[in-house]
Amino acid sequence: FLEMVHSLPDSDEKSKVQDHLKSTAFVISCRLPTSDITEAGY
């Protein structure tokens, strides 16, 4: 994600995201079953 963000145009938001990613301690990923999910799931 740092590599992906690096290719985006410079901005304050880009800097904030880069700083946050660099200080991340853990990542929680959620896999949503898009073929079988309702509004309650979202």
PDB file of all heavy atoms in Angstrom:
ATOM      1  N   PHE A   1       0.814  -1.209   0.000  1.00  0.00           N
ATOM      2  CA  PHE A   1       0.000   0.000   0.000  1.00  0.00           C
ATOM      3  C   PHE A   1       0.853   1.267   0.000  1.00  0.00           C
ATOM      4  O   PHE A   1       0.470   2.274  -0.613  1.00  0.00           O
ATOM      5  CB  PHE A   1      -1.012  -0.021   1.145  1.00  0.00           C
ATOM      6  CG  PHE A   1      -2.196  -0.872   0.816  1.00  0.00           C
ATOM      7  CD1 PHE A   1      -2.276  -2.174   1.275  1.00  0.00           C
ATOM      8  CD2 PHE A   1      -3.214  -0.393   0.011  1.00  0.00           C
ATOM      9  CE1 PHE A   1      -3.354  -2.982   0.946  1.00  0.00           C
ATOM     10  CE2 PHE A   1      -4.300  -1.186  -0.333  1.00  0.00           C
ATOM     11  CZ  PHE A   1      -4.364  -2.490   0.139  1.00  0.00           C
ATOM     12  N   LEU A   2       2.010   1.232   0.636  1.00  0.00           N
ATOM     13  CA  LEU A   2       2.914   2.390   0.561  1.00  0.00           C
ATOM     14  C   LEU A   2       3.355   2.624  -0.882  1.00  0.00           C
ATOM     15  O   LEU A   2       3.421   3.776  -1.337  1.00  0.00           O
ATOM     16  CB  LEU A   2       4.131   2.180   1.464  1.00  0.00           C
ATOM     17  CG  LEU A   2       3.931   2.453   2.944  1.00  0.00           C
ATOM     18  CD1 LEU A   2       5.115   1.960   3.753  1.00  0.00           C
ATOM     19  CD2 LEU A   2       3.685   3.939   3.184  1.00  0.00           C
ATOM     20  N   GLU A   3       3.633   1.552  -1.588  1.00  0.00           N
ATOM     21  CA  GLU A   3       4.022   1.664  -2.991  1.00  0.00           C
ATOM     22  C   GLU A   3       2.880   2.233  -3.835  1.00  0.00           C
ATOM     23  O   GLU A   3       3.082   3.107  -4.676  1.00  0.00           O
ATOM     24  CB  GLU A   3       4.440   0.290  -3.524  1.00  0.00           C
ATOM     25  CG  GLU A   3       5.016   0.323  -4.917  1.00  0.00           C
ATOM     26  CD  GLU A   3       5.511  -1.043  -5.350  1.00  0.00           C
ATOM     27  OE1 GLU A   3       6.238  -1.692  -4.566  1.00  0.00           O
ATOM     28  OE2 GLU A   3       5.147  -1.453  -6.465  1.00  0.00           O
ATOM     29  N   MET A   4       1.673   1.754  -3.592  1.00  0.00           N
ATOM     30  CA  MET A   4       0.507   2.240  -4.332  1.00  0.00           C
ATOM     31  C   MET A   4       0.272   3.731  -4.044  1.00  0.00           C
ATOM     32  O   MET A   4       0.063   4.525  -4.957  1.00  0.00           O
ATOM     33  CB  MET A   4      -0.733   1.425  -3.957  1.00  0.00           C
ATOM     34  CG  MET A   4      -1.990   1.756  -4.768  1.00  0.00           C
ATOM     35  SD  MET A   4      -3.065   3.021  -4.065  1.00  0.00           S
ATOM     36  CE  MET A   4      -3.506   2.344  -2.500  1.00  0.00           C
ATOM     37  N   VAL A   5       0.350   4.114  -2.779  1.00  0.00           N
ATOM     38  CA  VAL A   5       0.122   5.502  -2.388  1.00  0.00           C
ATOM     39  C   VAL A   5       1.229   6.407  -2.940  1.00  0.00           C
ATOM     40  O   VAL A   5       0.976   7.543  -3.347  1.00  0.00           O
ATOM     41  CB  VAL A   5       0.007   5.622  -0.851  1.00  0.00           C
ATOM     42  CG1 VAL A   5       0.059   7.061  -0.388  1.00  0.00           C
ATOM     43  CG2 VAL A   5      -1.263   4.938  -0.363  1.00  0.00           C
ATOM     44  N   HIS A   6       2.451   5.896  -2.983  1.00  0.00           N
ATOM     45  CA  HIS A   6       3.590   6.675  -3.483  1.00  0.00           C
ATOM     46  C   HIS A   6       3.348   7.191  -4.901  1.00  0.00           C
ATOM     47  O   HIS A   6       3.774   8.296  -5.252  1.00  0.00           O
ATOM     48  CB  HIS A   6       4.862   5.824  -3.437  1.00  0.00           C
ATOM     49  CG  HIS A   6       6.074   6.531  -3.946  1.00  0.00           C
ATOM     50  ND1 HIS A   6       6.702   7.526  -3.235  1.00  0.00           N
ATOM     51  CD2 HIS A   6       6.757   6.412  -5.119  1.00  0.00           C
ATOM     52  CE1 HIS A   6       7.722   7.976  -3.938  1.00  0.00           C
ATOM     53  NE2 HIS A   6       7.778   7.320  -5.086  1.00  0.00           N
ATOM     54  N   SER A   7       2.632   6.406  -5.702  1.00  0.00           N
ATOM     55  CA  SER A   7       2.393   6.791  -7.098  1.00  0.00           C
ATOM     56  C   SER A   7       1.285   7.834  -7.253  1.00  0.00           C
ATOM     57  O   SER A   7       1.078   8.357  -8.348  1.00  0.00           O
ATOM     58  CB  SER A   7       2.053   5.555  -7.935  1.00  0.00           C
ATOM     59  OG  SER A   7       0.819   5.010  -7.521  1.00  0.00           O
ATOM     60  N   LEU A   8       0.568   8.154  -6.194  1.00  0.00           N
ATOM     61  CA  LEU A   8      -0.507   9.152  -6.253  1.00  0.00           C
ATOM     62  C   LEU A   8       0.072  10.562  -6.168  1.00  0.00           C
ATOM     63  O   LEU A   8       1.167  10.764  -5.636  1.00  0.00           O
ATOM     64  CB  LEU A   8      -1.499   8.920  -5.109  1.00  0.00           C
ATOM     65  CG  LEU A   8      -2.228   7.576  -5.113  1.00  0.00           C
ATOM     66  CD1 LEU A   8      -3.063   7.415  -3.852  1.00  0.00           C
ATOM     67  CD2 LEU A   8      -3.091   7.431  -6.361  1.00  0.00           C
ATOM     68  N   PRO A   9      -0.656  11.558  -6.662  1.00  0.00           N
ATOM     69  CA  PRO A   9      -0.175  12.944  -6.568  1.00  0.00           C
ATOM     70  C   PRO A   9       0.023  13.371  -5.113  1.00  0.00           C
ATOM     71  O   PRO A   9      -0.704  12.943  -4.220  1.00  0.00           O
ATOM     72  CB  PRO A   9      -1.308  13.759  -7.211  1.00  0.00           C
ATOM     73  CG  PRO A   9      -2.094  12.792  -8.025  1.00  0.00           C
ATOM     74  CD  PRO A   9      -1.939  11.455  -7.359  1.00  0.00           C
ATOM     75  N   ASP A  10       1.016  14.230  -4.893  1.00  0.00           N
ATOM     76  CA  ASP A  10       1.308  14.711  -3.537  1.00  0.00           C
ATOM     77  C   ASP A  10       0.140  15.524  -2.989  1.00  0.00           C
ATOM     78  O   ASP A  10      -0.487  16.297  -3.708  1.00  0.00           O
ATOM     79  CB  ASP A  10       2.566  15.575  -3.537  1.00  0.00           C
ATOM     80  CG  ASP A  10       3.833  14.753  -3.748  1.00  0.00           C
ATOM     81  OD1 ASP A  10       3.786  13.526  -3.517  1.00  0.00           O
ATOM     82  OD2 ASP A  10       4.861  15.339  -4.141  1.00  0.00           O
ATOM     83  N   SER A  11      -0.133  15.304  -1.702  1.00  0.00           N
ATOM     84  CA  SER A  11      -1.185  16.047  -1.000  1.00  0.00           C
ATOM     85  C   SER A  11      -1.001  15.834   0.490  1.00  0.00           C
ATOM     86  O   SER A  11      -0.257  14.935   0.914  1.00  0.00           O
ATOM     87  CB  SER A  11      -2.585  15.565  -1.422  1.00  0.00           C
ATOM     88  OG  SER A  11      -2.792  14.237  -0.979  1.00  0.00           O
ATOM     89  N   ASP A  12      -1.693  16.638   1.295  1.00  0.00           N
ATOM     90  CA  ASP A  12      -1.658  16.451   2.741  1.00  0.00           C
ATOM     91  C   ASP A  12      -2.226  15.088   3.114  1.00  0.00           C
ATOM     92  O   ASP A  12      -1.709  14.412   4.010  1.00  0.00           O
ATOM     93  CB  ASP A  12      -2.453  17.552   3.455  1.00  0.00           C
ATOM     94  CG  ASP A  12      -1.761  18.899   3.404  1.00  0.00           C
ATOM     95  OD1 ASP A  12      -0.535  18.951   3.124  1.00  0.00           O
ATOM     96  OD2 ASP A  12      -2.441  19.920   3.638  1.00  0.00           O
ATOM     97  N   GLU A  13      -3.295  14.683   2.424  1.00  0.00           N
ATOM     98  CA  GLU A  13      -3.927  13.383   2.705  1.00  0.00           C
ATOM     99  C   GLU A  13      -2.975  12.241   2.404  1.00  0.00           C
ATOM    100  O   GLU A  13      -2.893  11.275   3.158  1.00  0.00           O
ATOM    101  CB  GLU A  13      -5.225  13.240   1.908  1.00  0.00           C
ATOM    102  CG  GLU A  13      -6.331  14.168   2.343  1.00  0.00           C
ATOM    103  CD  GLU A  13      -6.187  15.599   1.814  1.00  0.00           C
ATOM    104  OE1 GLU A  13      -5.308  15.858   0.944  1.00  0.00           O
ATOM    105  OE2 GLU A  13      -6.937  16.465   2.289  1.00  0.00           O
ATOM    106  N   LYS A  14      -2.248  12.356   1.295  1.00  0.00           N
ATOM    107  CA  LYS A  14      -1.270  11.323   0.944  1.00  0.00           C
ATOM    108  C   LYS A  14      -0.217  11.202   2.047  1.00  0.00           C
ATOM    109  O   LYS A  14       0.114  10.093   2.475  1.00  0.00           O
ATOM    110  CB  LYS A  14      -0.606  11.660  -0.395  1.00  0.00           C
ATOM    111  CG  LYS A  14       0.519  10.712  -0.783  1.00  0.00           C
ATOM    112  CD  LYS A  14       1.175  11.123  -2.092  1.00  0.00           C
ATOM    113  CE  LYS A  14       2.403  10.290  -2.382  1.00  0.00           C
ATOM    114  NZ  LYS A  14       3.016  10.648  -3.679  1.00  0.00           N
ATOM    115  N   SER A  15       0.279  12.318   2.528  1.00  0.00           N
ATOM    116  CA  SER A  15       1.287  12.303   3.599  1.00  0.00           C
ATOM    117  C   SER A  15       0.731  11.670   4.874  1.00  0.00           C
ATOM    118  O   SER A  15       1.418  10.885   5.532  1.00  0.00           O
ATOM    119  CB  SER A  15       1.774  13.716   3.899  1.00  0.00           C
ATOM    120  OG  SER A  15       2.461  14.235   2.792  1.00  0.00           O
ATOM    121  N   LYS A  16      -0.529  12.009   5.220  1.00  0.00           N
ATOM    122  CA  LYS A  16      -1.151  11.437   6.418  1.00  0.00           C
ATOM    123  C   LYS A  16      -1.287   9.919   6.283  1.00  0.00           C
ATOM    124  O   LYS A  16      -1.019   9.183   7.234  1.00  0.00           O
ATOM    125  CB  LYS A  16      -2.529  12.066   6.659  1.00  0.00           C
ATOM    126  CG  LYS A  16      -2.472  13.488   7.137  1.00  0.00           C
ATOM    127  CD  LYS A  16      -3.867  14.079   7.278  1.00  0.00           C
ATOM    128  CE  LYS A  16      -3.796  15.553   7.555  1.00  0.00           C
ATOM    129  NZ  LYS A  16      -5.112  16.197   7.567  1.00  0.00           N
ATOM    130  N   VAL A  17      -1.718   9.452   5.108  1.00  0.00           N
ATOM    131  CA  VAL A  17      -1.867   8.004   4.892  1.00  0.00           C
ATOM    132  C   VAL A  17      -0.506   7.325   4.957  1.00  0.00           C
ATOM    133  O   VAL A  17      -0.351   6.288   5.607  1.00  0.00           O
ATOM    134  CB  VAL A  17      -2.587   7.721   3.556  1.00  0.00           C
ATOM    135  CG1 VAL A  17      -2.491   6.249   3.169  1.00  0.00           C
ATOM    136  CG2 VAL A  17      -4.053   8.167   3.633  1.00  0.00           C
ATOM    137  N   GLN A  18       0.502   7.892   4.332  1.00  0.00           N
ATOM    138  CA  GLN A  18       1.846   7.297   4.374  1.00  0.00           C
ATOM    139  C   GLN A  18       2.366   7.220   5.806  1.00  0.00           C
ATOM    140  O   GLN A  18       2.906   6.181   6.218  1.00  0.00           O
ATOM    141  CB  GLN A  18       2.812   8.111   3.503  1.00  0.00           C
ATOM    142  CG  GLN A  18       2.584   7.924   2.027  1.00  0.00           C
ATOM    143  CD  GLN A  18       3.433   8.856   1.177  1.00  0.00           C
ATOM    144  OE1 GLN A  18       3.568  10.052   1.482  1.00  0.00           O
ATOM    145  NE2 GLN A  18       3.999   8.309   0.109  1.00  0.00           N
ATOM    146  N   ASP A  19       2.214   8.294   6.570  1.00  0.00           N
ATOM    147  CA  ASP A  19       2.667   8.296   7.966  1.00  0.00           C
ATOM    148  C   ASP A  19       1.927   7.230   8.774  1.00  0.00           C
ATOM    149  O   ASP A  19       2.531   6.537   9.592  1.00  0.00           O
ATOM    150  CB  ASP A  19       2.467   9.676   8.597  1.00  0.00           C
ATOM    151  CG  ASP A  19       3.410  10.725   8.037  1.00  0.00           C
ATOM    152  OD1 ASP A  19       4.406  10.356   7.377  1.00  0.00           O
ATOM    153  OD2 ASP A  19       3.136  11.930   8.244  1.00  0.00           O
ATOM    154  N   HIS A  20       0.619   7.129   8.539  1.00  0.00           N
ATOM    155  CA  HIS A  20      -0.175   6.134   9.272  1.00  0.00           C
ATOM    156  C   HIS A  20       0.284   4.713   8.916  1.00  0.00           C
ATOM    157  O   HIS A  20       0.475   3.881   9.805  1.00  0.00           O
ATOM    158  CB  HIS A  20      -1.656   6.304   8.967  1.00  0.00           C
ATOM    159  CG  HIS A  20      -2.528   5.516   9.876  1.00  0.00           C
ATOM    160  ND1 HIS A  20      -3.190   6.080  10.942  1.00  0.00           N
ATOM    161  CD2 HIS A  20      -2.816   4.189   9.921  1.00  0.00           C
ATOM    162  CE1 HIS A  20      -3.858   5.135  11.591  1.00  0.00           C
ATOM    163  NE2 HIS A  20      -3.653   3.985  10.978  1.00  0.00           N
ATOM    164  N   LEU A  21       0.459   4.447   7.638  1.00  0.00           N
ATOM    165  CA  LEU A  21       0.898   3.112   7.228  1.00  0.00           C
ATOM    166  C   LEU A  21       2.245   2.763   7.843  1.00  0.00           C
ATOM    167  O   LEU A  21       2.455   1.626   8.305  1.00  0.00           O
ATOM    168  CB  LEU A  21       0.971   3.019   5.697  1.00  0.00           C
ATOM    169  CG  LEU A  21      -0.367   3.036   4.959  1.00  0.00           C
ATOM    170  CD1 LEU A  21      -0.145   3.151   3.450  1.00  0.00           C
ATOM    171  CD2 LEU A  21      -1.188   1.798   5.287  1.00  0.00           C
ATOM    172  N   LYS A  22       3.161   3.718   7.877  1.00  0.00           N
ATOM    173  CA  LYS A  22       4.494   3.466   8.432  1.00  0.00           C
ATOM    174  C   LYS A  22       4.453   3.161   9.930  1.00  0.00           C
ATOM    175  O   LYS A  22       5.328   2.471  10.450  1.00  0.00           O
ATOM    176  CB  LYS A  22       5.408   4.657   8.166  1.00  0.00           C
ATOM    177  CG  LYS A  22       5.783   4.800   6.709  1.00  0.00           C
ATOM    178  CD  LYS A  22       6.568   6.075   6.458  1.00  0.00           C
ATOM    179  CE  LYS A  22       6.824   6.261   4.972  1.00  0.00           C
ATOM    180  NZ  LYS A  22       7.476   7.563   4.699  1.00  0.00           N
ATOM    181  N   SER A  23       3.435   3.653  10.622  1.00  0.00           N
ATOM    182  CA  SER A  23       3.340   3.417  12.071  1.00  0.00           C
ATOM    183  C   SER A  23       2.316   2.341  12.433  1.00  0.00           C
ATOM    184  O   SER A  23       1.987   2.161  13.604  1.00  0.00           O
ATOM    185  CB  SER A  23       3.035   4.727  12.806  1.00  0.00           C
ATOM    186  OG  SER A  23       1.807   5.254  12.376  1.00  0.00           O
ATOM    187  N   THR A  24       1.831   1.615  11.443  1.00  0.00           N
ATOM    188  CA  THR A  24       0.851   0.552  11.676  1.00  0.00           C
ATOM    189  C   THR A  24       1.483  -0.607  12.439  1.00  0.00           C
ATOM    190  O   THR A  24       2.584  -1.055  12.106  1.00  0.00           O
ATOM    191  CB  THR A  24       0.283   0.044  10.329  1.00  0.00           C
ATOM    192  OG1 THR A  24      -0.483   1.097   9.737  1.00  0.00           O
ATOM    193  CG2 THR A  24      -0.587  -1.172  10.498  1.00  0.00           C
ATOM    194  N   ALA A  25       0.785  -1.098  13.461  1.00  0.00           N
ATOM    195  CA  ALA A  25       1.253  -2.239  14.255  1.00  0.00           C
ATOM    196  C   ALA A  25       0.604  -3.545  13.808  1.00  0.00           C
ATOM    197  O   ALA A  25       1.210  -4.607  13.918  1.00  0.00           O
ATOM    198  CB  ALA A  25       0.958  -2.008  15.729  1.00  0.00           C
ATOM    199  N   PHE A  26      -0.642  -3.476  13.330  1.00  0.00           N
ATOM    200  CA  PHE A  26      -1.325  -4.674  12.848  1.00  0.00           C
ATOM    201  C   PHE A  26      -2.391  -4.283  11.829  1.00  0.00           C
ATOM    202  O   PHE A  26      -2.851  -3.131  11.803  1.00  0.00           O
ATOM    203  CB  PHE A  26      -1.940  -5.496  13.991  1.00  0.00           C
ATOM    204  CG  PHE A  26      -3.016  -4.805  14.772  1.00  0.00           C
ATOM    205  CD1 PHE A  26      -4.352  -4.935  14.422  1.00  0.00           C
ATOM    206  CD2 PHE A  26      -2.696  -4.033  15.879  1.00  0.00           C
ATOM    207  CE1 PHE A  26      -5.350  -4.291  15.150  1.00  0.00           C
ATOM    208  CE2 PHE A  26      -3.682  -3.389  16.617  1.00  0.00           C
ATOM    209  CZ  PHE A  26      -5.009  -3.521  16.251  1.00  0.00           C
ATOM    210  N   VAL A  27      -2.732  -5.247  10.985  1.00  0.00           N
ATOM    211  CA  VAL A  27      -3.737  -5.032   9.946  1.00  0.00           C
ATOM    212  C   VAL A  27      -4.857  -6.044  10.150  1.00  0.00           C
ATOM    213  O   VAL A  27      -4.599  -7.247  10.282  1.00  0.00           O
ATOM    214  CB  VAL A  27      -3.137  -5.222   8.533  1.00  0.00           C
ATOM    215  CG1 VAL A  27      -4.201  -4.979   7.460  1.00  0.00           C
ATOM    216  CG2 VAL A  27      -1.927  -4.326   8.328  1.00  0.00           C
ATOM    217  N   ILE A  28      -6.075  -5.558  10.189  1.00  0.00           N
ATOM    218  CA  ILE A  28      -7.234  -6.452  10.230  1.00  0.00           C
ATOM    219  C   ILE A  28      -7.930  -6.349   8.877  1.00  0.00           C
ATOM    220  O   ILE A  28      -8.301  -5.258   8.445  1.00  0.00           O
ATOM    221  CB  ILE A  28      -8.186  -6.108  11.383  1.00  0.00           C
ATOM    222  CG1 ILE A  28      -7.475  -6.420  12.707  1.00  0.00           C
ATOM    223  CG2 ILE A  28      -9.501  -6.880  11.246  1.00  0.00           C
ATOM    224  CD1 ILE A  28      -8.311  -6.344  13.944  1.00  0.00           C
ATOM    225  N   SER A  29      -8.039  -7.508   8.216  1.00  0.00           N
ATOM    226  CA  SER A  29      -8.675  -7.585   6.899  1.00  0.00           C
ATOM    227  C   SER A  29     -10.025  -8.270   7.028  1.00  0.00           C
ATOM    228  O   SER A  29     -10.150  -9.292   7.705  1.00  0.00           O
ATOM    229  CB  SER A  29      -7.805  -8.393   5.935  1.00  0.00           C
ATOM    230  OG  SER A  29      -6.536  -7.821   5.814  1.00  0.00           O
ATOM    231  N   CYS A  30     -11.008  -7.717   6.352  1.00  0.00           N
ATOM    232  CA  CYS A  30     -12.357  -8.274   6.331  1.00  0.00           C
ATOM    233  C   CYS A  30     -12.661  -8.716   4.905  1.00  0.00           C
ATOM    234  O   CYS A  30     -12.569  -7.899   3.980  1.00  0.00           O
ATOM    235  CB  CYS A  30     -13.379  -7.221   6.753  1.00  0.00           C
ATOM    236  SG  CYS A  30     -12.993  -6.398   8.308  1.00  0.00           S
ATOM    237  N   ARG A  31     -12.996  -9.989   4.757  1.00  0.00           N
ATOM    238  CA  ARG A  31     -13.363 -10.511   3.437  1.00  0.00           C
ATOM    239  C   ARG A  31     -14.875 -10.647   3.390  1.00  0.00           C
ATOM    240  O   ARG A  31     -15.463 -11.495   4.063  1.00  0.00           O
ATOM    241  CB  ARG A  31     -12.706 -11.859   3.174  1.00  0.00           C
ATOM    242  CG  ARG A  31     -13.048 -12.393   1.803  1.00  0.00           C
ATOM    243  CD  ARG A  31     -12.245 -13.651   1.499  1.00  0.00           C
ATOM    244  NE  ARG A  31     -12.716 -14.229   0.277  1.00  0.00           N
ATOM    245  CZ  ARG A  31     -13.401 -15.359   0.201  1.00  0.00           C
ATOM    246  NH1 ARG A  31     -13.670 -16.043   1.298  1.00  0.00           N
ATOM    247  NH2 ARG A  31     -13.798 -15.824  -0.952  1.00  0.00           N
ATOM    248  N   LEU A  32     -15.492  -9.801   2.582  1.00  0.00           N
ATOM    249  CA  LEU A  32     -16.943  -9.790   2.462  1.00  0.00           C
ATOM    250  C   LEU A  32     -17.351 -10.649   1.268  1.00  0.00           C
ATOM    251  O   LEU A  32     -16.834 -10.457   0.166  1.00  0.00           O
ATOM    252  CB  LEU A  32     -17.452  -8.363   2.272  1.00  0.00           C
ATOM    253  CG  LEU A  32     -17.010  -7.346   3.333  1.00  0.00           C
ATOM    254  CD1 LEU A  32     -17.536  -5.971   2.980  1.00  0.00           C
ATOM    255  CD2 LEU A  32     -17.466  -7.760   4.695  1.00  0.00           C
ATOM    256  N   PRO A  33     -18.268 -11.571   1.462  1.00  0.00           N
ATOM    257  CA  PRO A  33     -18.725 -12.437   0.364  1.00  0.00           C
ATOM    258  C   PRO A  33     -19.728 -11.691  -0.521  1.00  0.00           C
ATOM    259  O   PRO A  33     -20.943 -11.788  -0.342  1.00  0.00           O
ATOM    260  CB  PRO A  33     -19.371 -13.611   1.094  1.00  0.00           C
ATOM    261  CG  PRO A  33     -19.893 -13.003   2.365  1.00  0.00           C
ATOM    262  CD  PRO A  33     -18.916 -11.904   2.731  1.00  0.00           C
ATOM    263  N   THR A  34     -19.238 -10.932  -1.480  1.00  0.00           N
ATOM    264  CA  THR A  34     -20.096 -10.028  -2.252  1.00  0.00           C
ATOM    265  C   THR A  34     -21.223 -10.727  -2.998  1.00  0.00           C
ATOM    266  O   THR A  34     -22.236 -10.099  -3.292  1.00  0.00           O
ATOM    267  CB  THR A  34     -19.270  -9.201  -3.254  1.00  0.00           C
ATOM    268  OG1 THR A  34     -18.514 -10.100  -4.078  1.00  0.00           O
ATOM    269  CG2 THR A  34     -18.343  -8.253  -2.530  1.00  0.00           C
ATOM    270  N   SER A  35     -21.067 -12.004  -3.298  1.00  0.00           N
ATOM    271  CA  SER A  35     -22.141 -12.710  -3.995  1.00  0.00           C
ATOM    272  C   SER A  35     -23.237 -13.158  -3.036  1.00  0.00           C
ATOM    273  O   SER A  35     -24.282 -13.640  -3.468  1.00  0.00           O
ATOM    274  CB  SER A  35     -21.578 -13.927  -4.740  1.00  0.00           C
ATOM    275  OG  SER A  35     -21.022 -14.835  -3.808  1.00  0.00           O
ATOM    276  N   ASP A  36     -22.993 -12.997  -1.725  1.00  0.00           N
ATOM    277  CA  ASP A  36     -23.946 -13.501  -0.742  1.00  0.00           C
ATOM    278  C   ASP A  36     -23.888 -12.644   0.523  1.00  0.00           C
ATOM    279  O   ASP A  36     -23.443 -13.091   1.572  1.00  0.00           O
ATOM    280  CB  ASP A  36     -23.609 -14.970  -0.417  1.00  0.00           C
ATOM    281  CG  ASP A  36     -24.617 -15.611   0.513  1.00  0.00           C
ATOM    282  OD1 ASP A  36     -25.821 -15.381   0.325  1.00  0.00           O
ATOM    283  OD2 ASP A  36     -24.193 -16.340   1.428  1.00  0.00           O
ATOM    284  N   ILE A  37     -24.315 -11.393   0.390  1.00  0.00           N
ATOM    285  CA  ILE A  37     -24.300 -10.496   1.550  1.00  0.00           C
ATOM    286  C   ILE A  37     -25.506  -9.563   1.451  1.00  0.00           C
ATOM    287  O   ILE A  37     -25.943  -9.189   0.373  1.00  0.00           O
ATOM    288  CB  ILE A  37     -22.969  -9.704   1.639  1.00  0.00           C
ATOM    289  CG1 ILE A  37     -22.844  -8.996   2.996  1.00  0.00           C
ATOM    290  CG2 ILE A  37     -22.788  -8.777   0.466  1.00  0.00           C
ATOM    291  CD1 ILE A  37     -21.450  -8.456   3.287  1.00  0.00           C
ATOM    292  N   THR A  38     -26.033  -9.210   2.619  1.00  0.00           N
ATOM    293  CA  THR A  38     -27.175  -8.306   2.681  1.00  0.00           C
ATOM    294  C   THR A  38     -26.739  -6.997   3.330  1.00  0.00           C
ATOM    295  O   THR A  38     -25.597  -6.859   3.789  1.00  0.00           O
ATOM    296  CB  THR A  38     -28.320  -8.922   3.505  1.00  0.00           C
ATOM    297  OG1 THR A  38     -27.872  -9.054   4.865  1.00  0.00           O
ATOM    298  CG2 THR A  38     -28.753 -10.276   2.946  1.00  0.00           C
ATOM    299  N   GLU A  39     -27.665  -6.078   3.423  1.00  0.00           N
ATOM    300  CA  GLU A  39     -27.381  -4.806   4.075  1.00  0.00           C
ATOM    301  C   GLU A  39     -26.930  -5.024   5.520  1.00  0.00           C
ATOM    302  O   GLU A  39     -26.058  -4.315   6.024  1.00  0.00           O
ATOM    303  CB  GLU A  39     -28.611  -3.907   4.027  1.00  0.00           C
ATOM    304  CG  GLU A  39     -28.344  -2.518   4.549  1.00  0.00           C
ATOM    305  CD  GLU A  39     -29.521  -1.573   4.374  1.00  0.00           C
ATOM    306  OE1 GLU A  39     -30.377  -1.813   3.503  1.00  0.00           O
ATOM    307  OE2 GLU A  39     -29.576  -0.594   5.130  1.00  0.00           O
ATOM    308  N   ALA A  40     -27.500  -6.011   6.177  1.00  0.00           N
ATOM    309  CA  ALA A  40     -27.096  -6.309   7.561  1.00  0.00           C
ATOM    310  C   ALA A  40     -25.625  -6.710   7.622  1.00  0.00           C
ATOM    311  O   ALA A  40     -24.915  -6.360   8.569  1.00  0.00           O
ATOM    312  CB  ALA A  40     -27.974  -7.413   8.153  1.00  0.00           C
ATOM    313  N   GLY A  41     -25.145  -7.435   6.633  1.00  0.00           N
ATOM    314  CA  GLY A  41     -23.733  -7.818   6.587  1.00  0.00           C
ATOM    315  C   GLY A  41     -22.833  -6.612   6.417  1.00  0.00           C
ATOM    316  O   GLY A  41     -21.793  -6.500   7.078  1.00  0.00           O
ATOM    317  N   TYR A  42     -23.228  -5.714   5.531  1.00  0.00           N
ATOM    318  CA  TYR A  42     -22.448  -4.483   5.359  1.00  0.00           C
ATOM    319  C   TYR A  42     -22.485  -3.644   6.631  1.00  0.00           C
ATOM    320  O   TYR A  42     -21.471  -3.063   7.028  1.00  0.00           O
ATOM    321  CB  TYR A  42     -22.972  -3.668   4.170  1.00  0.00           C
ATOM    322  CG  TYR A  42     -22.629  -4.284   2.830  1.00  0.00           C
ATOM    323  CD1 TYR A  42     -23.628  -4.738   1.987  1.00  0.00           C
ATOM    324  CD2 TYR A  42     -21.303  -4.407   2.409  1.00  0.00           C
ATOM    325  CE1 TYR A  42     -23.319  -5.297   0.746  1.00  0.00           C
ATOM    326  CE2 TYR A  42     -20.987  -4.964   1.183  1.00  0.00           C
ATOM    327  CZ  TYR A  42     -21.994  -5.409   0.349  1.00  0.00           C
ATOM    328  OH  TYR A  42     -21.685  -5.969  -0.861  1.00  0.00           O
TER     329      TYR A  42
END
